[in-house]
Amino acid sequence: QHNTERSFTWQTEVLRSRREVQTLAGGALVSE
């Protein structure tokens, strides 16, 4: 009945990432 005057929206999103990286430790590359 009031779709141009009243509304409500609720959005939720969850993300998970996994990434391989390299770092410098003691003059060598270490992967984690």
All heavy atoms as atom14 arrays in JSON, in Angstrom:
{
  "sequence": "QHNTERSFTWQTEVLRSRREVQTLAGGALVSE",
  "atom14_mask": [
    [1, 1, 1, 1, 1, 1, 1, 1, 1, 0, 0, 0, 0, 0],
    [1, 1, 1, 1, 1, 1, 1, 1, 1, 1, 0, 0, 0, 0],
    [1, 1, 1, 1, 1, 1, 1, 1, 0, 0, 0, 0, 0, 0],
    [1, 1, 1, 1, 1, 1, 1, 0, 0, 0, 0, 0, 0, 0],
    [1, 1, 1, 1, 1, 1, 1, 1, 1, 0, 0, 0, 0, 0],
    [1, 1, 1, 1, 1, 1, 1, 1, 1, 1, 1, 0, 0, 0],
    [1, 1, 1, 1, 1, 1, 0, 0, 0, 0, 0, 0, 0, 0],
    [1, 1, 1, 1, 1, 1, 1, 1, 1, 1, 1, 0, 0, 0],
    [1, 1, 1, 1, 1, 1, 1, 0, 0, 0, 0, 0, 0, 0],
    [1, 1, 1, 1, 1, 1, 1, 1, 1, 1, 1, 1, 1, 1],
    [1, 1, 1, 1, 1, 1, 1, 1, 1, 0, 0, 0, 0, 0],
    [1, 1, 1, 1, 1, 1, 1, 0, 0, 0, 0, 0, 0, 0],
    [1, 1, 1, 1, 1, 1, 1, 1, 1, 0, 0, 0, 0, 0],
    [1, 1, 1, 1, 1, 1, 1, 0, 0, 0, 0, 0, 0, 0],
    [1, 1, 1, 1, 1, 1, 1, 1, 0, 0, 0, 0, 0, 0],
    [1, 1, 1, 1, 1, 1, 1, 1, 1, 1, 1, 0, 0, 0],
    [1, 1, 1, 1, 1, 1, 0, 0, 0, 0, 0, 0, 0, 0],
    [1, 1, 1, 1, 1, 1, 1, 1, 1, 1, 1, 0, 0, 0],
    [1, 1, 1, 1, 1, 1, 1, 1, 1, 1, 1, 0, 0, 0],
    [1, 1, 1, 1, 1, 1, 1, 1, 1, 0, 0, 0, 0, 0],
    [1, 1, 1, 1, 1, 1, 1, 0, 0, 0, 0, 0, 0, 0],
    [1, 1, 1, 1, 1, 1, 1, 1, 1, 0, 0, 0, 0, 0],
    [1, 1, 1, 1, 1, 1, 1, 0, 0, 0, 0, 0, 0, 0],
    [1, 1, 1, 1, 1, 1, 1, 1, 0, 0, 0, 0, 0, 0],
    [1, 1, 1, 1, 1, 0, 0, 0, 0, 0, 0, 0, 0, 0],
    [1, 1, 1, 1, 0, 0, 0, 0, 0, 0, 0, 0, 0, 0],
    [1, 1, 1, 1, 0, 0, 0, 0, 0, 0, 0, 0, 0, 0],
    [1, 1, 1, 1, 1, 0, 0, 0, 0, 0, 0, 0, 0, 0],
    [1, 1, 1, 1, 1, 1, 1, 1, 0, 0, 0, 0, 0, 0],
    [1, 1, 1, 1, 1, 1, 1, 0, 0, 0, 0, 0, 0, 0],
    [1, 1, 1, 1, 1, 1, 0, 0, 0, 0, 0, 0, 0, 0],
    [1, 1, 1, 1, 1, 1, 1, 1, 1, 0, 0, 0, 0, 0]
  ],
  "atom14_positions": [
    [[0.81, -1.22, 0.0], [0.0, 0.0, 0.0], [0.85, 1.27, 0.0], [0.42, 2.3, -0.49], [-0.94, 0.04, 1.24], [-2.0, -1.0, 1.24], [-1.48, -2.33, 1.81], [-0.34, -2.44, 2.25], [-2.32, -3.34, 1.76], [0.0, 0.0, 0.0], [0.0, 0.0, 0.0], [0.0, 0.0, 0.0], [0.0, 0.0, 0.0], [0.0, 0.0, 0.0]],
    [[2.06, 1.24, 0.57], [2.89, 2.43, 0.71], [4.29, 2.19, 0.13], [5.28, 2.68, 0.66], [3.02, 2.82, 2.18], [1.71, 3.02, 2.86], [0.95, 4.14, 2.66], [1.03, 2.24, 3.73], [-0.16, 4.05, 3.38], [-0.14, 2.9, 4.03], [0.0, 0.0, 0.0], [0.0, 0.0, 0.0], [0.0, 0.0, 0.0], [0.0, 0.0, 0.0]],
    [[4.4, 1.48, -0.97], [5.71, 1.06, -1.46], [6.6, 2.2, -1.97], [7.79, 2.01, -2.14], [5.58, -0.03, -2.52], [4.91, 0.46, -3.77], [4.52, 1.62, -3.88], [4.75, -0.43, -4.73], [0.0, 0.0, 0.0], [0.0, 0.0, 0.0], [0.0, 0.0, 0.0], [0.0, 0.0, 0.0], [0.0, 0.0, 0.0], [0.0, 0.0, 0.0]],
    [[6.07, 3.38, -2.21], [6.93, 4.5, -2.6], [7.31, 5.36, -1.4], [8.13, 6.26, -1.54], [6.23, 5.4, -3.65], [5.04, 5.94, -3.08], [5.91, 4.62, -4.91], [0.0, 0.0, 0.0], [0.0, 0.0, 0.0], [0.0, 0.0, 0.0], [0.0, 0.0, 0.0], [0.0, 0.0, 0.0], [0.0, 0.0, 0.0], [0.0, 0.0, 0.0]],
    [[6.73, 5.08, -0.23], [6.97, 5.92, 0.94], [7.64, 5.19, 2.1], [8.25, 5.83, 2.95], [5.64, 6.5, 1.43], [4.95, 7.35, 0.4], [3.52, 7.68, 0.79], [3.1, 7.29, 1.9], [2.84, 8.33, 0.0], [0.0, 0.0, 0.0], [0.0, 0.0, 0.0], [0.0, 0.0, 0.0], [0.0, 0.0, 0.0], [0.0, 0.0, 0.0]],
    [[7.52, 3.89, 2.17], [8.06, 3.14, 3.29], [8.81, 1.91, 2.78], [8.33, 1.21, 1.89], [6.95, 2.66, 4.23], [6.07, 3.74, 4.78], [6.68, 4.32, 6.04], [5.77, 5.25, 6.67], [5.82, 6.56, 6.51], [6.72, 7.1, 5.74], [4.98, 7.34, 7.15], [0.0, 0.0, 0.0], [0.0, 0.0, 0.0], [0.0, 0.0, 0.0]],
    [[9.95, 1.64, 3.4], [10.67, 0.41, 3.1], [11.74, 0.19, 4.18], [12.1, 1.11, 4.91], [11.32, 0.45, 1.71], [12.38, 1.39, 1.68], [0.0, 0.0, 0.0], [0.0, 0.0, 0.0], [0.0, 0.0, 0.0], [0.0, 0.0, 0.0], [0.0, 0.0, 0.0], [0.0, 0.0, 0.0], [0.0, 0.0, 0.0], [0.0, 0.0, 0.0]],
    [[12.23, -1.04, 4.23], [13.3, -1.4, 5.16], [14.13, -2.48, 4.5], [13.59, -3.43, 3.94], [12.72, -1.9, 6.49], [13.77, -2.24, 7.49], [14.34, -1.26, 8.27], [14.18, -3.56, 7.65], [15.32, -1.58, 9.21], [15.16, -3.88, 8.58], [15.73, -2.9, 9.36], [0.0, 0.0, 0.0], [0.0, 0.0, 0.0], [0.0, 0.0, 0.0]],
    [[15.45, -2.35, 4.58], [16.37, -3.34, 4.01], [17.44, -3.67, 5.04], [17.97, -2.77, 5.7], [17.05, -2.8, 2.74], [16.05, -2.45, 1.79], [17.98, -3.83, 2.13], [0.0, 0.0, 0.0], [0.0, 0.0, 0.0], [0.0, 0.0, 0.0], [0.0, 0.0, 0.0], [0.0, 0.0, 0.0], [0.0, 0.0, 0.0], [0.0, 0.0, 0.0]],
    [[17.76, -4.96, 5.17], [18.85, -5.39, 6.03], [19.71, -6.35, 5.22], [19.25, -7.39, 4.76], [18.31, -6.08, 7.27], [19.36, -6.58, 8.22], [20.69, -6.27, 8.23], [19.17, -7.48, 9.3], [21.33, -6.91, 9.25], [20.41, -7.66, 9.93], [18.06, -8.14, 9.8], [20.58, -8.49, 11.03], [18.22, -8.96, 10.89], [19.47, -9.13, 11.5]],
    [[20.99, -5.98, 5.04], [21.94, -6.81, 4.29], [23.08, -7.22, 5.22], [23.57, -6.39, 5.99], [22.6, -6.02, 3.16], [21.74, -5.74, 1.98], [22.54, -4.97, 0.95], [22.86, -3.81, 1.17], [22.85, -5.6, -0.15], [0.0, 0.0, 0.0], [0.0, 0.0, 0.0], [0.0, 0.0, 0.0], [0.0, 0.0, 0.0], [0.0, 0.0, 0.0]],
    [[23.52, -8.45, 5.12], [24.67, -8.93, 5.87], [25.48, -9.85, 4.97], [24.92, -10.67, 4.24], [24.23, -9.69, 7.15], [23.51, -8.78, 7.98], [25.42, -10.23, 7.91], [0.0, 0.0, 0.0], [0.0, 0.0, 0.0], [0.0, 0.0, 0.0], [0.0, 0.0, 0.0], [0.0, 0.0, 0.0], [0.0, 0.0, 0.0], [0.0, 0.0, 0.0]],
    [[26.8, -9.68, 5.02], [27.68, -10.53, 4.23], [28.91, -10.87, 5.06], [29.44, -10.03, 5.79], [28.12, -9.82, 2.95], [28.97, -10.69, 2.06], [29.24, -10.07, 0.7], [28.94, -8.89, 0.5], [29.78, -10.8, -0.16], [0.0, 0.0, 0.0], [0.0, 0.0, 0.0], [0.0, 0.0, 0.0], [0.0, 0.0, 0.0], [0.0, 0.0, 0.0]],
    [[29.36, -12.13, 4.96], [30.55, -12.61, 5.65], [31.49, -13.19, 4.59], [31.04, -13.95, 3.71], [30.2, -13.69, 6.69], [31.45, -14.24, 7.34], [29.26, -13.13, 7.75], [0.0, 0.0, 0.0], [0.0, 0.0, 0.0], [0.0, 0.0, 0.0], [0.0, 0.0, 0.0], [0.0, 0.0, 0.0], [0.0, 0.0, 0.0], [0.0, 0.0, 0.0]],
    [[32.77, -12.82, 4.67], [33.78, -13.31, 3.73], [34.94, -13.93, 4.49], [35.34, -13.43, 5.55], [34.32, -12.16, 2.86], [33.32, -11.49, 1.94], [33.91, -10.2, 1.4], [32.95, -12.42, 0.82], [0.0, 0.0, 0.0], [0.0, 0.0, 0.0], [0.0, 0.0, 0.0], [0.0, 0.0, 0.0], [0.0, 0.0, 0.0], [0.0, 0.0, 0.0]],
    [[35.5, -14.98, 3.92], [36.7, -15.61, 4.48], [37.71, -15.74, 3.37], [37.38, -16.21, 2.28], [36.36, -16.98, 5.04], [37.55, -17.64, 5.71], [37.17, -19.0, 6.27], [38.17, -19.56, 7.14], [39.34, -20.03, 6.76], [39.71, -19.96, 5.51], [40.18, -20.55, 7.63], [0.0, 0.0, 0.0], [0.0, 0.0, 0.0], [0.0, 0.0, 0.0]],
    [[38.94, -15.33, 3.64], [39.99, -15.45, 2.63], [41.14, -16.28, 3.17], [41.4, -16.31, 4.38], [40.5, -14.07, 2.19], [41.34, -13.52, 3.17], [0.0, 0.0, 0.0], [0.0, 0.0, 0.0], [0.0, 0.0, 0.0], [0.0, 0.0, 0.0], [0.0, 0.0, 0.0], [0.0, 0.0, 0.0], [0.0, 0.0, 0.0], [0.0, 0.0, 0.0]],
    [[41.8, -16.96, 2.28], [43.02, -17.7, 2.6], [44.01, -17.38, 1.49], [43.71, -17.54, 0.31], [42.78, -19.2, 2.67], [44.07, -19.96, 2.94], [43.85, -21.42, 3.25], [43.21, -21.71, 4.51], [43.75, -21.54, 5.72], [44.92, -21.01, 5.83], [43.09, -21.89, 6.8], [0.0, 0.0, 0.0], [0.0, 0.0, 0.0], [0.0, 0.0, 0.0]],
    [[45.18, -16.91, 1.92], [46.17, -16.44, 0.95], [47.54, -16.95, 1.34], [47.93, -16.89, 2.5], [46.16, -14.91, 0.95], [47.12, -14.3, 0.01], [46.95, -12.79, 0.03], [47.95, -12.21, -0.82], [48.51, -11.04, -0.64], [48.16, -10.29, 0.36], [49.41, -10.6, -1.47], [0.0, 0.0, 0.0], [0.0, 0.0, 0.0], [0.0, 0.0, 0.0]],
    [[48.26, -17.46, 0.37], [49.66, -17.85, 0.59], [50.52, -16.6, 0.39], [50.34, -15.86, -0.58], [50.08, -18.93, -0.41], [49.32, -20.23, -0.28], [49.55, -20.94, 1.05], [50.69, -20.91, 1.56], [48.57, -21.5, 1.58], [0.0, 0.0, 0.0], [0.0, 0.0, 0.0], [0.0, 0.0, 0.0], [0.0, 0.0, 0.0], [0.0, 0.0, 0.0]],
    [[51.43, -16.36, 1.33], [52.33, -15.22, 1.24], [53.76, -15.7, 1.51], [53.97, -16.75, 2.1], [51.96, -14.1, 2.24], [50.59, -13.53, 1.92], [52.02, -14.58, 3.66], [0.0, 0.0, 0.0], [0.0, 0.0, 0.0], [0.0, 0.0, 0.0], [0.0, 0.0, 0.0], [0.0, 0.0, 0.0], [0.0, 0.0, 0.0], [0.0, 0.0, 0.0]],
    [[54.69, -14.89, 1.08], [56.1, -15.15, 1.37], [56.65, -13.96, 2.15], [56.3, -12.81, 1.88], [56.9, -15.34, 0.08], [56.58, -16.63, -0.63], [57.41, -16.8, -1.9], [57.54, -15.87, -2.67], [57.96, -17.99, -2.08], [0.0, 0.0, 0.0], [0.0, 0.0, 0.0], [0.0, 0.0, 0.0], [0.0, 0.0, 0.0], [0.0, 0.0, 0.0]],
    [[57.51, -14.27, 3.11], [58.18, -13.24, 3.88], [59.67, -13.53, 3.87], [60.11, -14.65, 3.59], [57.67, -13.2, 5.34], [57.83, -14.48, 5.92], [56.21, -12.79, 5.38], [0.0, 0.0, 0.0], [0.0, 0.0, 0.0], [0.0, 0.0, 0.0], [0.0, 0.0, 0.0], [0.0, 0.0, 0.0], [0.0, 0.0, 0.0], [0.0, 0.0, 0.0]],
    [[60.45, -12.51, 4.2], [61.9, -12.64, 4.26], [62.29, -12.87, 5.71], [61.95, -12.07, 6.59], [62.56, -11.37, 3.73], [64.07, -11.38, 3.59], [64.51, -12.48, 2.62], [64.57, -10.03, 3.14], [0.0, 0.0, 0.0], [0.0, 0.0, 0.0], [0.0, 0.0, 0.0], [0.0, 0.0, 0.0], [0.0, 0.0, 0.0], [0.0, 0.0, 0.0]],
    [[62.96, -13.99, 5.98], [63.4, -14.31, 7.34], [64.8, -14.91, 7.27], [65.0, -15.95, 6.64], [62.44, -15.3, 8.0], [0.0, 0.0, 0.0], [0.0, 0.0, 0.0], [0.0, 0.0, 0.0], [0.0, 0.0, 0.0], [0.0, 0.0, 0.0], [0.0, 0.0, 0.0], [0.0, 0.0, 0.0], [0.0, 0.0, 0.0], [0.0, 0.0, 0.0]],
    [[65.75, -14.24, 7.88], [67.12, -14.76, 7.92], [67.75, -14.89, 6.55], [68.53, -15.81, 6.32], [0.0, 0.0, 0.0], [0.0, 0.0, 0.0], [0.0, 0.0, 0.0], [0.0, 0.0, 0.0], [0.0, 0.0, 0.0], [0.0, 0.0, 0.0], [0.0, 0.0, 0.0], [0.0, 0.0, 0.0], [0.0, 0.0, 0.0], [0.0, 0.0, 0.0]],
    [[67.41, -14.03, 5.63], [68.0, -14.08, 4.29], [67.38, -15.11, 3.36], [67.9, -15.36, 2.28], [0.0, 0.0, 0.0], [0.0, 0.0, 0.0], [0.0, 0.0, 0.0], [0.0, 0.0, 0.0], [0.0, 0.0, 0.0], [0.0, 0.0, 0.0], [0.0, 0.0, 0.0], [0.0, 0.0, 0.0], [0.0, 0.0, 0.0], [0.0, 0.0, 0.0]],
    [[66.28, -15.73, 3.78], [65.6, -16.74, 2.95], [64.11, -16.41, 2.89], [63.56, -15.74, 3.78], [65.81, -18.13, 3.52], [0.0, 0.0, 0.0], [0.0, 0.0, 0.0], [0.0, 0.0, 0.0], [0.0, 0.0, 0.0], [0.0, 0.0, 0.0], [0.0, 0.0, 0.0], [0.0, 0.0, 0.0], [0.0, 0.0, 0.0], [0.0, 0.0, 0.0]],
    [[63.47, -16.88, 1.84], [62.03, -16.7, 1.7], [61.3, -17.8, 2.45], [61.63, -18.98, 2.32], [61.62, -16.72, 0.23], [62.06, -15.53, -0.6], [61.76, -15.76, -2.07], [61.38, -14.27, -0.11], [0.0, 0.0, 0.0], [0.0, 0.0, 0.0], [0.0, 0.0, 0.0], [0.0, 0.0, 0.0], [0.0, 0.0, 0.0], [0.0, 0.0, 0.0]],
    [[60.31, -17.42, 3.23], [59.51, -18.36, 4.0], [58.06, -18.22, 3.54], [57.53, -17.11, 3.48], [59.62, -18.06, 5.52], [58.74, -19.0, 6.32], [61.06, -18.14, 5.97], [0.0, 0.0, 0.0], [0.0, 0.0, 0.0], [0.0, 0.0, 0.0], [0.0, 0.0, 0.0], [0.0, 0.0, 0.0], [0.0, 0.0, 0.0], [0.0, 0.0, 0.0]],
    [[57.42, -19.34, 3.22], [56.02, -19.33, 2.79], [55.12, -19.64, 3.97], [55.44, -20.49, 4.81], [55.78, -20.36, 1.69], [56.49, -20.01, 0.53], [0.0, 0.0, 0.0], [0.0, 0.0, 0.0], [0.0, 0.0, 0.0], [0.0, 0.0, 0.0], [0.0, 0.0, 0.0], [0.0, 0.0, 0.0], [0.0, 0.0, 0.0], [0.0, 0.0, 0.0]],
    [[53.98, -18.95, 4.03], [52.99, -19.23, 5.05], [51.61, -18.92, 4.5], [51.47, -18.23, 3.5], [53.27, -18.42, 6.32], [53.18, -16.93, 6.14], [53.47, -16.17, 7.42], [52.89, -16.53, 8.47], [54.25, -15.22, 7.37], [0.0, 0.0, 0.0], [0.0, 0.0, 0.0], [0.0, 0.0, 0.0], [0.0, 0.0, 0.0], [0.0, 0.0, 0.0]]
  ]
}
